[in-house]
C-alpha atoms as a PDB file:
ATOM      1  CA  GLY A   1     -15.880  -9.377  -1.357  1.00  0.00           C
ATOM      2  CA  GLY A   2     -17.407  -6.483  -3.202  1.00  0.00           C
ATOM      3  CA  HIS A   3     -19.765  -3.706  -2.228  1.00  0.00           C
ATOM      4  CA  ALA A   4     -22.638  -6.100  -1.465  1.00  0.00           C
ATOM      5  CA  ASN A   5     -20.723  -7.430   1.569  1.00  0.00           C
ATOM      6  CA  MET A   6     -19.289  -4.148   2.889  1.00  0.00           C
ATOM      7  CA  GLY A   7     -21.703  -3.760   5.810  1.00  0.00           C
ATOM      8  CA  GLN A   8     -21.137  -7.264   7.141  1.00  0.00           C
ATOM      9  CA  LEU A   9     -18.535  -8.223   9.713  1.00  0.00           C
ATOM     10  CA  PRO A  10     -16.072 -10.939   8.681  1.00  0.00           C
ATOM     11  CA  ASP A  11     -16.282 -14.420  10.143  1.00  0.00           C
ATOM     12  CA  PRO A  12     -14.386 -14.282  13.489  1.00  0.00           C
ATOM     13  CA  GLU A  13     -12.700 -17.590  12.632  1.00  0.00           C
ATOM     14  CA  LEU A  14     -10.804 -15.721   9.922  1.00  0.00           C
ATOM     15  CA  PHE A  15      -8.659 -14.130  12.645  1.00  0.00           C
ATOM     16  CA  ARG A  16      -7.712 -17.513  14.101  1.00  0.00           C
ATOM     17  CA  GLN A  17      -6.185 -18.786  10.846  1.00  0.00           C
ATOM     18  CA  PRO A  18      -2.501 -18.340  10.045  1.00  0.00           C
ATOM     19  CA  PRO A  19      -1.896 -15.411   7.692  1.00  0.00           C
ATOM     20  CA  GLN A  20      -1.379 -16.194   4.021  1.00  0.00           C
ATOM     21  CA  ARG A  21       1.548 -13.792   3.903  1.00  0.00           C
ATOM     22  CA  ARG A  22       3.513 -11.466   6.137  1.00  0.00           C
ATOM     23  CA  TRP A  23       2.839  -7.754   5.724  1.00  0.00           C
ATOM     24  CA  GLU A  24       5.889  -5.539   6.073  1.00  0.00           C
ATOM     25  CA  ASN A  25       5.808  -1.981   7.419  1.00  0.00           C
ATOM     26  CA  PRO A  26       2.213  -0.933   6.781  1.00  0.00           C
ATOM     27  CA  MET A  27       1.628   2.803   7.133  1.00  0.00           C
ATOM     28  CA  ILE A  28      -1.269   3.726   9.413  1.00  0.00           C
ATOM     29  CA  ALA A  29      -2.843   7.185   9.358  1.00  0.00           C
ATOM     30  CA  ALA A  30      -5.626   8.619  11.474  1.00  0.00           C
ATOM     31  CA  VAL A  31      -8.857   9.561   9.726  1.00  0.00           C
ATOM     32  CA  GLY A  32     -10.250  12.211  12.020  1.00  0.00           C
ATOM     33  CA  THR A  33     -10.821  10.743  15.467  1.00  0.00           C
ATOM     34  CA  TYR A  34     -13.020   7.849  14.378  1.00  0.00           C
ATOM     35  CA  ALA A  35     -10.943   5.625  12.098  1.00  0.00           C
ATOM     36  CA  ILE A  36      -7.627   4.674  10.522  1.00  0.00           C
ATOM     37  CA  ARG A  37      -6.481   4.103   6.951  1.00  0.00           C
ATOM     38  CA  ILE A  38      -3.823   1.453   6.336  1.00  0.00           C
ATOM     39  CA  THR A  39      -1.463   1.535   3.366  1.00  0.00           C
ATOM     40  CA  TRP A  40      -0.095  -1.978   2.947  1.00  0.00           C
ATOM     41  CA  ASP A  41       3.356  -2.780   1.567  1.00  0.00           C
ATOM     42  CA  ASP A  42       1.858  -3.702  -1.813  1.00  0.00           C
ATOM     43  CA  GLY A  43       0.403  -0.172  -2.133  1.00  0.00           C
ATOM     44  CA  HIS A  44      -3.188  -1.236  -1.386  1.00  0.00           C
ATOM     45  CA  GLU A  45      -4.929   1.462   0.658  1.00  0.00           C
ATOM     46  CA  ALA A  46      -8.628   1.083  -0.033  1.00  0.00           C
ATOM     47  CA  GLY A  47     -10.839   1.270   3.009  1.00  0.00           C
ATOM     48  CA  ILE A  48     -11.260   3.185   6.217  1.00  0.00           C
ATOM     49  CA  TYR A  49     -11.361   1.101   9.377  1.00  0.00           C
ATOM     50  CA  THR A  50     -13.445   2.681  12.140  1.00  0.00           C
ATOM     51  CA  TRP A  51     -12.540   2.045  15.765  1.00  0.00           C
ATOM     52  CA  LYS A  52     -16.034   0.585  16.262  1.00  0.00           C
ATOM     53  CA  ARG A  53     -15.604  -1.887  13.394  1.00  0.00           C
ATOM     54  CA  LEU A  54     -12.098  -2.864  14.498  1.00  0.00           C
ATOM     55  CA  ARG A  55     -13.351  -3.542  18.019  1.00  0.00           C
ATOM     56  CA  ALA A  56     -16.315  -5.545  16.654  1.00  0.00           C
ATOM     57  CA  THR A  57     -14.006  -7.796  14.621  1.00  0.00           C
ATOM     58  CA  CYS A  58     -11.328  -8.226  17.301  1.00  0.00           C
ATOM     59  CA  PRO A  59     -11.370 -11.816  18.641  1.00  0.00           C
ATOM     60  CA  CYS A  60      -9.834 -11.064  22.066  1.00  0.00           C
ATOM     61  CA  ALA A  61     -11.911 -11.673  25.207  1.00  0.00           C
ATOM     62  CA  GLU A  62     -12.014  -7.990  26.217  1.00  0.00           C
ATOM     63  CA  CYS A  63     -13.332  -6.804  22.846  1.00  0.00           C
ATOM     64  CA  THR A  64     -15.758  -9.707  22.479  1.00  0.00           C
ATOM     65  CA  THR A  65     -17.257  -8.935  25.905  1.00  0.00           C
ATOM     66  CA  GLN A  66     -17.511  -5.205  25.191  1.00  0.00           C
ATOM     67  CA  THR A  67     -19.077  -5.741  21.750  1.00  0.00           C
ATOM     68  CA  ALA A  68     -21.653  -8.176  23.177  1.00  0.00           C
ATOM     69  CA  SER A  69     -22.746  -5.632  25.798  1.00  0.00           C
ATOM     70  CA  GLU A  70     -23.413  -2.867  23.233  1.00  0.00           C
END
């Protein structure tokens, strides 16, 4: 974690592991037209998730193919 790792994408295998806990009712708000901010049920809301970054970290075949072609 930390600021030194902020520009790096997470390991895609992370998304194939079972979650450590279940998140209940996160609140999702648009940040302009380029991102979202998530407020988790524990009150944590740090971070803005851009559509580009979300697509780049998505493990599905459609997103993986699209990201590879960019």
